[in-house]
């Protein structure tokens, strides 16, 4: 596995879409697709993977629905349809690239077992630590 993959496990093809601006918030700060999806309580990479697998038209419709729910950018209230159309053009073509399709499905499905393996390892370490602490203080003679 390459070092780049370890540092950033997300498909780089999603970056252009996720870093695109959806407009300015009430404080004048640019809000990206990534922050919009996160503020809506969604996993930005999973949602992007889902949009890629939907195809352009369905992704445009889904994105329009999501942007209509987002209230932090006042301009989206009247213009979410156009913004959704423009943003959907930034999505990578998932239907033509087998590698991107696999990357999108990996993100959408999650990484089965990864978090479970981490929790299992942490639990084992904790149990061993407790055994050594109790075992070491049990011979108090």
N, C-alpha and C. Protein backbone atom coordinates (compact mmCIF):
# COMPACT_ATOMS: atom_id res chain seq x y z
N UNK A 1 0.85 -1.17 0.00
CA UNK A 1 0.00 0.00 0.00
C UNK A 1 0.90 1.23 0.00
N UNK A 2 0.57 2.21 -0.82
CA UNK A 2 1.41 3.39 -0.92
C UNK A 2 1.22 4.33 0.26
N UNK A 3 2.24 5.15 0.51
CA UNK A 3 2.18 6.11 1.61
C UNK A 3 1.02 7.09 1.41
N UNK A 4 0.77 7.51 0.16
CA UNK A 4 -0.31 8.45 -0.11
C UNK A 4 -1.64 7.85 0.29
N UNK A 5 -1.85 6.58 0.03
CA UNK A 5 -3.10 5.91 0.37
C UNK A 5 -3.29 5.85 1.88
N UNK A 6 -2.19 5.70 2.62
CA UNK A 6 -2.28 5.65 4.07
C UNK A 6 -2.66 7.02 4.63
N UNK A 7 -2.03 8.07 4.13
CA UNK A 7 -2.32 9.42 4.62
C UNK A 7 -3.70 9.90 4.21
N UNK A 8 -4.14 9.56 3.01
CA UNK A 8 -5.45 9.98 2.53
C UNK A 8 -6.14 8.78 1.90
N UNK A 9 -6.95 8.04 2.68
CA UNK A 9 -7.56 6.83 2.17
C UNK A 9 -8.73 7.09 1.21
N UNK A 10 -9.11 8.34 1.05
CA UNK A 10 -10.26 8.68 0.21
C UNK A 10 -9.83 8.81 -1.25
N UNK A 11 -10.72 8.46 -2.17
CA UNK A 11 -10.38 8.56 -3.60
C UNK A 11 -10.05 10.01 -3.98
N UNK A 12 -8.88 10.26 -4.57
CA UNK A 12 -8.50 11.63 -4.94
C UNK A 12 -9.42 12.21 -6.02
N UNK A 13 -10.12 11.34 -6.74
CA UNK A 13 -11.05 11.82 -7.77
C UNK A 13 -12.20 12.62 -7.16
N UNK A 14 -12.45 12.45 -5.87
CA UNK A 14 -13.54 13.17 -5.20
C UNK A 14 -13.15 14.59 -4.80
N UNK A 15 -11.84 14.88 -4.77
CA UNK A 15 -11.37 16.16 -4.24
C UNK A 15 -11.94 17.37 -4.95
N UNK A 16 -11.96 17.35 -6.28
CA UNK A 16 -12.45 18.52 -7.03
C UNK A 16 -13.89 18.83 -6.66
N UNK A 17 -14.71 17.80 -6.51
CA UNK A 17 -16.11 17.98 -6.14
C UNK A 17 -16.23 18.45 -4.69
N UNK A 18 -15.54 17.76 -3.77
CA UNK A 18 -15.69 18.07 -2.35
C UNK A 18 -15.13 19.44 -1.98
N UNK A 19 -14.13 19.92 -2.71
CA UNK A 19 -13.53 21.22 -2.41
C UNK A 19 -14.21 22.38 -3.13
N UNK A 20 -15.21 22.09 -3.97
CA UNK A 20 -15.92 23.15 -4.69
C UNK A 20 -16.79 23.97 -3.73
N UNK A 21 -16.92 25.23 -4.02
CA UNK A 21 -17.70 26.13 -3.18
C UNK A 21 -19.18 26.04 -3.53
N UNK A 22 -20.02 26.08 -2.48
CA UNK A 22 -21.47 26.15 -2.69
C UNK A 22 -21.98 27.56 -2.47
N UNK A 23 -21.12 28.45 -2.01
CA UNK A 23 -21.48 29.84 -1.78
C UNK A 23 -20.88 30.35 -0.48
N UNK A 24 -21.31 31.53 -0.08
CA UNK A 24 -20.81 32.14 1.16
C UNK A 24 -21.85 32.04 2.25
N UNK A 25 -21.36 31.79 3.46
CA UNK A 25 -22.27 31.76 4.60
C UNK A 25 -22.56 33.19 5.07
N UNK A 26 -23.34 33.31 6.11
CA UNK A 26 -23.74 34.63 6.61
C UNK A 26 -22.57 35.49 7.08
N UNK A 27 -21.44 34.87 7.37
CA UNK A 27 -20.25 35.60 7.82
C UNK A 27 -19.30 35.92 6.67
N UNK A 28 -19.67 35.55 5.46
CA UNK A 28 -18.84 35.84 4.30
C UNK A 28 -17.78 34.81 4.00
N UNK A 29 -17.82 33.67 4.65
CA UNK A 29 -16.84 32.62 4.41
C UNK A 29 -17.35 31.66 3.34
N UNK A 30 -16.42 31.21 2.48
CA UNK A 30 -16.77 30.24 1.44
C UNK A 30 -17.07 28.89 2.11
N UNK A 31 -18.14 28.27 1.67
CA UNK A 31 -18.54 26.97 2.20
C UNK A 31 -18.38 25.95 1.08
N UNK A 32 -17.66 24.87 1.36
CA UNK A 32 -17.41 23.84 0.35
C UNK A 32 -18.49 22.75 0.41
N UNK A 33 -18.48 21.90 -0.60
CA UNK A 33 -19.38 20.75 -0.61
C UNK A 33 -19.07 19.87 0.60
N UNK A 34 -17.78 19.67 0.88
CA UNK A 34 -17.38 18.84 2.01
C UNK A 34 -17.99 19.36 3.31
N UNK A 35 -17.86 20.66 3.58
CA UNK A 35 -18.41 21.19 4.82
C UNK A 35 -19.93 21.20 4.81
N UNK A 36 -20.52 21.39 3.64
CA UNK A 36 -21.98 21.34 3.54
C UNK A 36 -22.50 19.97 3.93
N UNK A 37 -21.92 18.92 3.35
CA UNK A 37 -22.36 17.56 3.66
C UNK A 37 -22.12 17.23 5.12
N UNK A 38 -20.97 17.65 5.65
CA UNK A 38 -20.67 17.40 7.06
C UNK A 38 -21.67 18.13 7.96
N UNK A 39 -21.99 19.37 7.64
CA UNK A 39 -22.95 20.13 8.45
C UNK A 39 -24.36 19.55 8.38
N UNK A 40 -24.63 18.83 7.30
CA UNK A 40 -25.93 18.14 7.19
C UNK A 40 -25.93 16.80 7.92
N UNK A 41 -24.79 16.47 8.54
CA UNK A 41 -24.70 15.22 9.31
C UNK A 41 -24.40 14.01 8.45
N UNK A 42 -23.85 14.23 7.26
CA UNK A 42 -23.54 13.14 6.34
C UNK A 42 -22.03 12.95 6.26
N UNK A 43 -21.60 11.75 5.93
CA UNK A 43 -20.19 11.50 5.67
C UNK A 43 -19.92 11.98 4.24
N UNK A 44 -19.11 13.02 4.07
CA UNK A 44 -18.91 13.59 2.73
C UNK A 44 -18.40 12.59 1.69
N UNK A 45 -17.49 11.70 2.08
CA UNK A 45 -16.93 10.75 1.11
C UNK A 45 -17.93 9.66 0.77
N UNK A 46 -18.68 9.20 1.74
CA UNK A 46 -19.70 8.20 1.47
C UNK A 46 -20.79 8.79 0.58
N UNK A 47 -21.22 10.01 0.89
CA UNK A 47 -22.27 10.65 0.08
C UNK A 47 -21.78 10.88 -1.34
N UNK A 48 -20.51 11.29 -1.49
CA UNK A 48 -19.96 11.49 -2.83
C UNK A 48 -19.90 10.17 -3.59
N UNK A 49 -19.49 9.11 -2.91
CA UNK A 49 -19.46 7.79 -3.54
C UNK A 49 -20.86 7.39 -3.99
N UNK A 50 -21.86 7.65 -3.16
CA UNK A 50 -23.23 7.34 -3.53
C UNK A 50 -23.66 8.15 -4.75
N UNK A 51 -23.29 9.43 -4.78
CA UNK A 51 -23.64 10.28 -5.92
C UNK A 51 -22.98 9.79 -7.20
N UNK A 52 -21.73 9.35 -7.10
CA UNK A 52 -21.01 8.84 -8.27
C UNK A 52 -21.71 7.61 -8.82
N UNK A 53 -22.13 6.72 -7.93
CA UNK A 53 -22.77 5.48 -8.41
C UNK A 53 -24.17 5.73 -8.97
N UNK A 54 -24.79 6.86 -8.61
CA UNK A 54 -26.12 7.19 -9.14
C UNK A 54 -26.10 7.59 -10.60
N UNK A 55 -25.03 8.22 -11.05
CA UNK A 55 -25.00 8.79 -12.39
C UNK A 55 -25.38 10.27 -12.31
N UNK A 56 -25.09 11.01 -13.37
CA UNK A 56 -25.22 12.47 -13.37
C UNK A 56 -26.63 12.98 -13.05
N UNK A 57 -27.63 12.49 -13.74
CA UNK A 57 -28.98 13.03 -13.55
C UNK A 57 -29.52 12.77 -12.15
N UNK A 58 -29.39 11.55 -11.69
CA UNK A 58 -29.86 11.22 -10.35
C UNK A 58 -29.03 11.93 -9.29
N UNK A 59 -27.72 12.08 -9.54
CA UNK A 59 -26.85 12.79 -8.61
C UNK A 59 -27.26 14.25 -8.53
N UNK A 60 -27.58 14.84 -9.67
CA UNK A 60 -28.04 16.23 -9.71
C UNK A 60 -29.30 16.40 -8.87
N UNK A 61 -30.24 15.49 -9.02
CA UNK A 61 -31.49 15.56 -8.24
C UNK A 61 -31.22 15.38 -6.74
N UNK A 62 -30.42 14.40 -6.40
CA UNK A 62 -30.10 14.15 -4.98
C UNK A 62 -29.36 15.35 -4.37
N UNK A 63 -28.41 15.88 -5.09
CA UNK A 63 -27.66 17.03 -4.62
C UNK A 63 -28.56 18.25 -4.45
N UNK A 64 -29.50 18.43 -5.37
CA UNK A 64 -30.46 19.54 -5.25
C UNK A 64 -31.29 19.42 -3.98
N UNK A 65 -31.71 18.20 -3.66
CA UNK A 65 -32.48 17.96 -2.43
C UNK A 65 -31.65 18.28 -1.19
N UNK A 66 -30.40 17.85 -1.20
CA UNK A 66 -29.52 18.12 -0.07
C UNK A 66 -29.26 19.62 0.10
N UNK A 67 -28.97 20.31 -0.99
CA UNK A 67 -28.68 21.73 -0.91
C UNK A 67 -29.91 22.54 -0.50
N UNK A 68 -31.10 22.07 -0.85
CA UNK A 68 -32.33 22.76 -0.44
C UNK A 68 -32.50 22.70 1.08
N UNK A 69 -31.97 21.66 1.72
CA UNK A 69 -32.05 21.51 3.18
C UNK A 69 -31.02 22.35 3.91
N UNK A 70 -30.00 22.80 3.19
CA UNK A 70 -28.87 23.50 3.82
C UNK A 70 -29.19 24.98 3.97
N UNK A 71 -29.25 25.47 5.19
CA UNK A 71 -29.65 26.86 5.45
C UNK A 71 -28.50 27.80 5.76
N UNK A 72 -27.27 27.29 5.86
CA UNK A 72 -26.13 28.14 6.24
C UNK A 72 -25.69 29.09 5.13
N UNK A 73 -26.05 28.80 3.88
CA UNK A 73 -25.71 29.66 2.75
C UNK A 73 -27.02 30.25 2.21
N UNK A 74 -27.29 31.51 2.54
CA UNK A 74 -28.57 32.12 2.16
C UNK A 74 -28.88 32.06 0.66
N UNK A 75 -27.87 32.20 -0.20
CA UNK A 75 -28.11 32.22 -1.64
C UNK A 75 -28.65 30.89 -2.16
N UNK A 76 -28.43 29.80 -1.42
CA UNK A 76 -28.91 28.50 -1.88
C UNK A 76 -30.44 28.39 -1.82
N UNK A 77 -31.06 29.21 -1.01
CA UNK A 77 -32.52 29.13 -0.88
C UNK A 77 -33.20 29.29 -2.23
N UNK A 78 -32.71 30.18 -3.06
CA UNK A 78 -33.34 30.40 -4.36
C UNK A 78 -32.56 29.81 -5.52
N UNK A 79 -31.32 29.38 -5.29
CA UNK A 79 -30.47 28.98 -6.39
C UNK A 79 -29.90 27.57 -6.25
N UNK A 80 -30.47 26.74 -5.37
CA UNK A 80 -29.89 25.42 -5.13
C UNK A 80 -29.91 24.51 -6.36
N UNK A 81 -30.89 24.68 -7.23
CA UNK A 81 -30.97 23.84 -8.44
C UNK A 81 -29.81 24.07 -9.38
N UNK A 82 -29.48 25.34 -9.63
CA UNK A 82 -28.35 25.66 -10.52
C UNK A 82 -27.04 25.21 -9.90
N UNK A 83 -26.88 25.46 -8.60
CA UNK A 83 -25.65 25.07 -7.91
C UNK A 83 -25.50 23.54 -7.96
N UNK A 84 -26.58 22.82 -7.74
CA UNK A 84 -26.54 21.36 -7.79
C UNK A 84 -26.15 20.88 -9.18
N UNK A 85 -26.69 21.51 -10.21
CA UNK A 85 -26.35 21.13 -11.59
C UNK A 85 -24.86 21.35 -11.85
N UNK A 86 -24.36 22.53 -11.45
CA UNK A 86 -22.95 22.85 -11.67
C UNK A 86 -22.04 21.89 -10.89
N UNK A 87 -22.41 21.62 -9.64
CA UNK A 87 -21.59 20.73 -8.82
C UNK A 87 -21.62 19.29 -9.34
N UNK A 88 -22.76 18.84 -9.83
CA UNK A 88 -22.84 17.47 -10.32
C UNK A 88 -21.92 17.25 -11.52
N UNK A 89 -21.59 18.33 -12.23
CA UNK A 89 -20.65 18.22 -13.35
C UNK A 89 -19.22 17.97 -12.87
N UNK A 90 -18.96 18.26 -11.60
CA UNK A 90 -17.63 18.05 -11.04
C UNK A 90 -17.41 16.64 -10.52
N UNK A 91 -18.48 15.87 -10.44
CA UNK A 91 -18.36 14.48 -9.99
C UNK A 91 -17.59 13.67 -11.02
N UNK A 92 -16.71 12.79 -10.57
CA UNK A 92 -16.01 11.94 -11.53
C UNK A 92 -16.98 10.98 -12.21
N UNK A 93 -16.64 10.59 -13.40
CA UNK A 93 -17.47 9.63 -14.14
C UNK A 93 -17.29 8.25 -13.56
N UNK A 94 -18.24 7.80 -12.77
CA UNK A 94 -18.14 6.49 -12.13
C UNK A 94 -18.49 5.34 -13.03
N UNK A 95 -19.35 5.56 -13.99
CA UNK A 95 -19.82 4.47 -14.84
C UNK A 95 -18.75 4.00 -15.83
N UNK A 96 -17.81 4.88 -16.16
CA UNK A 96 -16.82 4.50 -17.17
C UNK A 96 -15.53 3.97 -16.57
N UNK A 97 -15.27 4.26 -15.32
CA UNK A 97 -14.02 3.85 -14.72
C UNK A 97 -14.24 2.74 -13.71
N UNK A 98 -13.73 1.56 -14.01
CA UNK A 98 -13.87 0.44 -13.09
C UNK A 98 -13.15 0.68 -11.78
N UNK A 99 -11.97 1.31 -11.85
CA UNK A 99 -11.20 1.60 -10.64
C UNK A 99 -11.96 2.58 -9.75
N UNK A 100 -12.55 3.61 -10.36
CA UNK A 100 -13.31 4.59 -9.58
C UNK A 100 -14.56 3.94 -9.00
N UNK A 101 -15.19 3.08 -9.74
CA UNK A 101 -16.37 2.37 -9.25
C UNK A 101 -16.01 1.56 -8.01
N UNK A 102 -14.87 0.85 -8.05
CA UNK A 102 -14.44 0.07 -6.89
C UNK A 102 -14.11 0.98 -5.72
N UNK A 103 -13.46 2.10 -5.99
CA UNK A 103 -13.12 3.05 -4.91
C UNK A 103 -14.38 3.62 -4.30
N UNK A 104 -15.35 3.98 -5.14
CA UNK A 104 -16.60 4.53 -4.64
C UNK A 104 -17.36 3.50 -3.82
N UNK A 105 -17.39 2.26 -4.28
CA UNK A 105 -18.12 1.25 -3.53
C UNK A 105 -17.41 0.92 -2.23
N UNK A 106 -16.07 0.99 -2.21
CA UNK A 106 -15.32 0.77 -0.97
C UNK A 106 -15.67 1.84 0.04
N UNK A 107 -15.73 3.10 -0.41
CA UNK A 107 -16.09 4.20 0.48
C UNK A 107 -17.54 4.06 0.92
N UNK A 108 -18.43 3.76 -0.03
CA UNK A 108 -19.85 3.66 0.29
C UNK A 108 -20.13 2.50 1.25
N UNK A 109 -19.42 1.38 1.07
CA UNK A 109 -19.64 0.23 1.93
C UNK A 109 -18.90 0.36 3.25
N UNK A 110 -17.96 1.25 3.30
CA UNK A 110 -17.12 1.38 4.48
C UNK A 110 -15.99 0.38 4.38
N UNK A 111 -15.18 0.35 5.37
CA UNK A 111 -14.10 -0.61 5.40
C UNK A 111 -14.44 -1.65 6.44
N UNK A 112 -15.11 -2.72 5.98
CA UNK A 112 -15.58 -3.71 6.94
C UNK A 112 -14.43 -4.30 7.74
N UNK A 113 -14.62 -4.35 9.03
CA UNK A 113 -13.64 -4.97 9.88
C UNK A 113 -12.56 -4.05 10.39
N UNK A 114 -12.33 -2.91 9.75
CA UNK A 114 -11.24 -2.04 10.17
C UNK A 114 -11.49 -1.50 11.56
N UNK A 115 -12.63 -0.88 11.77
CA UNK A 115 -12.88 -0.31 13.10
C UNK A 115 -13.07 -1.42 14.13
N UNK A 116 -13.65 -2.53 13.74
CA UNK A 116 -13.81 -3.66 14.66
C UNK A 116 -12.46 -4.22 15.08
N UNK A 117 -11.52 -4.29 14.14
CA UNK A 117 -10.19 -4.79 14.45
C UNK A 117 -9.46 -3.85 15.41
N UNK A 118 -9.64 -2.58 15.20
CA UNK A 118 -8.99 -1.60 16.09
C UNK A 118 -9.55 -1.74 17.50
N UNK A 119 -10.86 -1.82 17.62
CA UNK A 119 -11.48 -1.95 18.95
C UNK A 119 -11.08 -3.26 19.62
N UNK A 120 -10.97 -4.32 18.84
CA UNK A 120 -10.54 -5.60 19.39
C UNK A 120 -9.12 -5.51 19.93
N UNK A 121 -8.23 -4.91 19.14
CA UNK A 121 -6.84 -4.76 19.59
C UNK A 121 -6.75 -3.91 20.85
N UNK A 122 -7.49 -2.81 20.88
CA UNK A 122 -7.49 -1.96 22.07
C UNK A 122 -8.03 -2.69 23.30
N UNK A 123 -9.05 -3.50 23.11
CA UNK A 123 -9.62 -4.26 24.21
C UNK A 123 -8.61 -5.27 24.75
N UNK A 124 -7.92 -5.96 23.85
CA UNK A 124 -6.90 -6.93 24.27
C UNK A 124 -5.79 -6.23 25.04
N UNK A 125 -5.34 -5.09 24.55
CA UNK A 125 -4.28 -4.34 25.24
C UNK A 125 -4.75 -3.92 26.63
N UNK A 126 -5.98 -3.45 26.74
CA UNK A 126 -6.53 -3.03 28.04
C UNK A 126 -6.60 -4.22 29.00
N UNK A 127 -7.08 -5.36 28.52
CA UNK A 127 -7.19 -6.54 29.37
C UNK A 127 -5.80 -6.98 29.84
N UNK A 128 -4.83 -7.02 28.92
CA UNK A 128 -3.46 -7.40 29.30
C UNK A 128 -2.88 -6.42 30.31
N UNK A 129 -3.10 -5.15 30.11
CA UNK A 129 -2.62 -4.14 31.04
C UNK A 129 -3.21 -4.37 32.44
N UNK A 130 -4.51 -4.62 32.49
CA UNK A 130 -5.17 -4.86 33.77
C UNK A 130 -4.63 -6.14 34.43
N UNK A 131 -4.38 -7.17 33.65
CA UNK A 131 -3.85 -8.42 34.20
C UNK A 131 -2.47 -8.20 34.81
N UNK A 132 -1.62 -7.46 34.14
CA UNK A 132 -0.29 -7.18 34.67
C UNK A 132 -0.34 -6.31 35.92
N UNK A 133 -1.25 -5.35 35.92
CA UNK A 133 -1.37 -4.46 37.09
C UNK A 133 -1.87 -5.24 38.31
N UNK A 134 -2.87 -6.06 38.12
CA UNK A 134 -3.42 -6.85 39.23
C UNK A 134 -2.45 -7.94 39.62
N UNK A 135 -1.86 -8.62 38.65
CA UNK A 135 -0.90 -9.69 38.92
C UNK A 135 0.34 -9.18 39.63
N UNK A 136 0.80 -7.98 39.30
CA UNK A 136 1.99 -7.42 39.91
C UNK A 136 1.75 -6.98 41.34
N UNK A 137 0.55 -6.60 41.69
CA UNK A 137 0.30 -6.11 43.06
C UNK A 137 -0.28 -7.20 43.96
N UNK A 138 -0.47 -8.41 43.43
CA UNK A 138 -1.07 -9.48 44.21
C UNK A 138 -0.11 -10.16 45.17
N UNK A 139 1.19 -10.01 44.99
CA UNK A 139 2.17 -10.67 45.88
C UNK A 139 2.71 -9.67 46.88
N UNK A 140 1.85 -9.13 47.69
CA UNK A 140 2.23 -8.07 48.61
C UNK A 140 2.91 -8.54 49.86
N UNK A 141 3.74 -9.56 49.86
CA UNK A 141 4.41 -10.05 51.05
C UNK A 141 5.72 -9.38 51.27
